[in-house]
Amino acid sequence: MKKNLFSLFSVLLIATLLASPVSAGPGIKFSGGANSVQWNLGSLIAEVALIGGNTDVKVILEASGVPAVTCTNPGSNPAPGQNPPNLSATGAQALLDRTKNGKSPFDVEASPPETLPGSQGGCPNDHWTAHIDFVFWTHARITVTNLAGDTILLVQNYTCTTTRNPDTVSCTAE
């Protein structure tokens, strides 16, 4: 009985080790750690280098925040938008020809639309145009996948603080 349990345990342990991502070699990570990402505005831009792994990858930046909106009526008169909803933006960049355990710098940008239908931007109705002047980014996520996008290699969530005058953003890993 003990021999059968030991054999079963050994088979399960070997199967677990073979299926483990750790057995595939070092994983992909940010050079300098999760908080080494440099954040810039334009839209929302994340810059850092990946290290580890030995495959081509896709870096995806998903971001959300509160827009500052100017509404323009059909007579071209501007007015501030009232309570616009959060918006989301996504950007992606493929990193090709990576060398094993080499550094692969990237700068991926998540860009929101320039305008929204009036009612979505906090304007009185859809006859108005909602122009996004600025976004106060609150959350970001960087996901690294294989090129096909069917295998996730790294996911990191961030909480962001954005200021205006001066225009700055800082994001901290969760």
Protein backbone atom coordinates (compact mmCIF):
# COMPACT_ATOMS: atom_id res chain seq x y z
CA MET A 1 0.00 0.00 0.00
CA LYS A 2 2.76 2.45 0.97
CA LYS A 3 4.63 1.56 -2.21
CA ASN A 4 1.54 2.35 -4.36
CA LEU A 5 0.98 5.69 -2.60
CA PHE A 6 4.65 6.60 -2.99
CA SER A 7 4.52 5.72 -6.71
CA LEU A 8 1.36 7.76 -7.21
CA PHE A 9 2.85 10.71 -5.32
CA SER A 10 6.06 10.49 -7.41
CA VAL A 11 4.13 10.48 -10.70
CA LEU A 12 2.04 13.49 -9.61
CA LEU A 13 5.14 15.40 -8.51
CA ILE A 14 6.94 14.74 -11.80
CA ALA A 15 3.86 15.76 -13.83
CA THR A 16 3.55 18.97 -11.81
CA LEU A 17 7.19 19.86 -12.36
CA LEU A 18 6.99 19.19 -16.09
CA ALA A 19 3.89 21.37 -16.45
CA SER A 20 5.25 24.21 -14.33
CA PRO A 21 6.27 27.41 -16.14
CA VAL A 22 9.33 27.52 -13.89
CA SER A 23 10.62 24.37 -15.59
CA ALA A 24 10.52 26.21 -18.93
CA GLY A 25 13.30 28.54 -17.82
CA PRO A 26 13.37 32.08 -16.49
CA GLY A 27 10.19 34.07 -17.02
CA ILE A 28 9.72 37.50 -18.49
CA LYS A 29 9.86 40.40 -16.07
CA PHE A 30 10.47 44.14 -16.00
CA SER A 31 14.09 45.20 -15.87
CA GLY A 32 14.35 46.81 -12.43
CA GLY A 33 11.00 45.46 -11.16
CA ALA A 34 7.34 46.42 -11.52
CA ASN A 35 7.83 49.96 -10.20
CA SER A 36 10.67 50.72 -12.65
CA VAL A 37 8.17 51.54 -15.40
CA GLN A 38 8.43 55.20 -16.49
CA TRP A 39 5.03 56.80 -17.06
CA ASN A 40 4.50 59.79 -19.36
CA LEU A 41 1.59 61.75 -20.70
CA GLY A 42 0.71 62.38 -24.29
CA SER A 43 -2.02 59.89 -23.81
CA LEU A 44 -0.65 57.38 -21.30
CA ILE A 45 2.77 55.99 -22.16
CA ALA A 46 4.63 53.19 -20.35
CA GLU A 47 8.38 52.77 -20.92
CA VAL A 48 10.60 50.02 -19.53
CA ALA A 49 12.62 47.02 -20.73
CA LEU A 50 11.66 43.38 -20.45
CA ILE A 51 14.24 40.80 -19.50
CA GLY A 52 14.13 37.02 -19.54
CA GLY A 53 12.31 34.64 -21.80
CA ASN A 54 13.36 33.72 -25.29
CA THR A 55 10.35 34.40 -27.48
CA ASP A 56 8.77 37.26 -29.40
CA VAL A 57 6.06 38.95 -27.36
CA LYS A 58 3.27 41.50 -27.50
CA VAL A 59 3.00 44.21 -24.81
CA ILE A 60 -0.51 45.53 -24.17
CA LEU A 61 -1.27 48.65 -22.13
CA GLU A 62 -4.85 49.09 -20.93
CA ALA A 63 -5.70 52.28 -19.07
CA SER A 64 -8.76 54.00 -17.61
CA GLY A 65 -9.41 57.42 -16.23
CA VAL A 66 -11.69 60.43 -15.96
CA PRO A 67 -11.66 62.79 -18.93
CA ALA A 68 -11.82 66.58 -18.82
CA VAL A 69 -14.28 67.40 -21.60
CA THR A 70 -15.30 70.52 -23.50
CA CYS A 71 -18.76 70.34 -25.08
CA THR A 72 -19.41 72.28 -28.27
CA ASN A 73 -22.98 72.97 -29.39
CA PRO A 74 -24.12 73.15 -33.04
CA GLY A 75 -23.48 76.93 -32.95
CA SER A 76 -19.78 76.26 -32.09
CA ASN A 77 -20.10 77.61 -28.54
CA PRO A 78 -17.93 75.69 -26.01
CA ALA A 79 -18.97 74.74 -22.47
CA PRO A 80 -17.43 72.37 -19.88
CA GLY A 81 -18.77 68.81 -19.93
CA GLN A 82 -20.72 67.75 -16.85
CA ASN A 83 -19.81 64.46 -15.15
CA PRO A 84 -18.32 62.58 -18.10
CA PRO A 85 -17.98 58.84 -17.44
CA ASN A 86 -14.67 57.01 -17.08
CA LEU A 87 -13.10 56.07 -20.36
CA SER A 88 -10.73 53.32 -21.42
CA ALA A 89 -7.84 53.24 -23.86
CA THR A 90 -5.61 50.46 -25.14
CA GLY A 91 -2.30 50.30 -26.97
CA ALA A 92 -0.06 47.42 -28.04
CA GLN A 93 3.46 46.88 -29.31
CA ALA A 94 5.12 43.73 -30.69
CA LEU A 95 8.68 43.03 -29.58
CA LEU A 96 10.37 40.90 -32.23
CA ASP A 97 13.84 39.40 -32.58
CA ARG A 98 14.45 39.25 -28.84
CA THR A 99 17.57 37.44 -27.74
CA LYS A 100 17.56 34.91 -24.95
CA ASN A 101 17.69 36.75 -21.61
CA GLY A 102 18.42 40.04 -23.36
CA LYS A 103 16.78 43.38 -22.66
CA SER A 104 13.90 44.45 -24.86
CA PRO A 105 12.91 48.09 -24.31
CA PHE A 106 9.42 49.21 -25.21
CA ASP A 107 7.25 52.30 -25.04
CA VAL A 108 3.60 51.51 -25.51
CA GLU A 109 0.91 54.19 -25.64
CA ALA A 110 -2.79 53.95 -24.78
CA SER A 111 -4.65 56.70 -26.63
CA PRO A 112 -8.25 57.65 -25.90
CA PRO A 113 -10.46 58.95 -28.69
CA GLU A 114 -10.30 62.72 -29.34
CA THR A 115 -14.07 63.13 -29.26
CA LEU A 116 -17.10 61.32 -27.91
CA PRO A 117 -20.79 61.52 -28.79
CA GLY A 118 -22.21 64.40 -26.77
CA SER A 119 -24.30 62.35 -24.34
CA GLN A 120 -21.32 60.05 -23.58
CA GLY A 121 -19.09 63.04 -22.83
CA GLY A 122 -21.38 64.77 -20.35
CA CYS A 123 -22.96 67.16 -22.87
CA PRO A 124 -26.72 67.90 -22.99
CA ASN A 125 -27.36 65.62 -26.01
CA ASP A 126 -25.78 64.05 -29.09
CA HIS A 127 -26.16 67.23 -31.14
CA TRP A 128 -23.21 68.52 -29.10
CA THR A 129 -19.63 67.28 -29.58
CA ALA A 130 -17.57 66.22 -26.56
CA HIS A 131 -13.86 66.95 -27.08
CA ILE A 132 -11.48 65.23 -24.64
CA ASP A 133 -9.00 67.87 -23.44
CA PHE A 134 -7.14 65.82 -20.83
CA VAL A 135 -7.44 62.48 -19.01
CA PHE A 136 -6.85 61.99 -15.31
CA TRP A 137 -5.55 58.39 -15.51
CA THR A 138 -6.49 56.27 -12.50
CA HIS A 139 -5.65 52.67 -13.47
CA ALA A 140 -3.33 50.88 -15.87
CA ARG A 141 -2.48 47.28 -16.68
CA ILE A 142 0.49 45.97 -18.63
CA THR A 143 0.04 42.50 -20.07
CA VAL A 144 2.74 40.61 -21.94
CA THR A 145 1.60 37.73 -24.16
CA ASN A 146 3.04 35.58 -26.88
CA LEU A 147 2.48 37.06 -30.36
CA ALA A 148 -0.69 35.05 -30.91
CA GLY A 149 -2.10 36.48 -27.67
CA ASP A 150 -3.17 33.09 -26.37
CA THR A 151 -0.56 32.74 -23.63
CA ILE A 152 -0.17 35.36 -20.90
CA LEU A 153 3.44 35.68 -19.77
CA LEU A 154 3.16 38.66 -17.39
CA VAL A 155 0.38 40.85 -15.96
CA GLN A 156 0.92 43.89 -13.74
CA ASN A 157 -1.80 46.25 -12.47
CA TYR A 158 -1.12 49.85 -11.46
CA THR A 159 -2.93 52.61 -9.57
CA CYS A 160 -2.23 55.99 -11.18
CA THR A 161 -2.36 59.59 -10.01
CA THR A 162 -2.54 62.32 -12.65
CA THR A 163 -2.19 66.06 -12.07
CA ARG A 164 -2.72 69.05 -14.28
CA ASN A 165 -0.62 72.23 -14.24
CA PRO A 166 1.92 70.73 -14.28
CA ASP A 167 0.76 67.75 -16.33
CA THR A 168 2.21 64.67 -14.62
CA VAL A 169 1.33 61.05 -14.03
CA SER A 170 2.72 58.46 -11.65
CA CYS A 171 1.61 54.87 -11.36
CA THR A 172 2.39 52.42 -8.57
CA ALA A 173 2.28 48.64 -8.90
CA GLU A 174 -0.57 46.96 -7.02
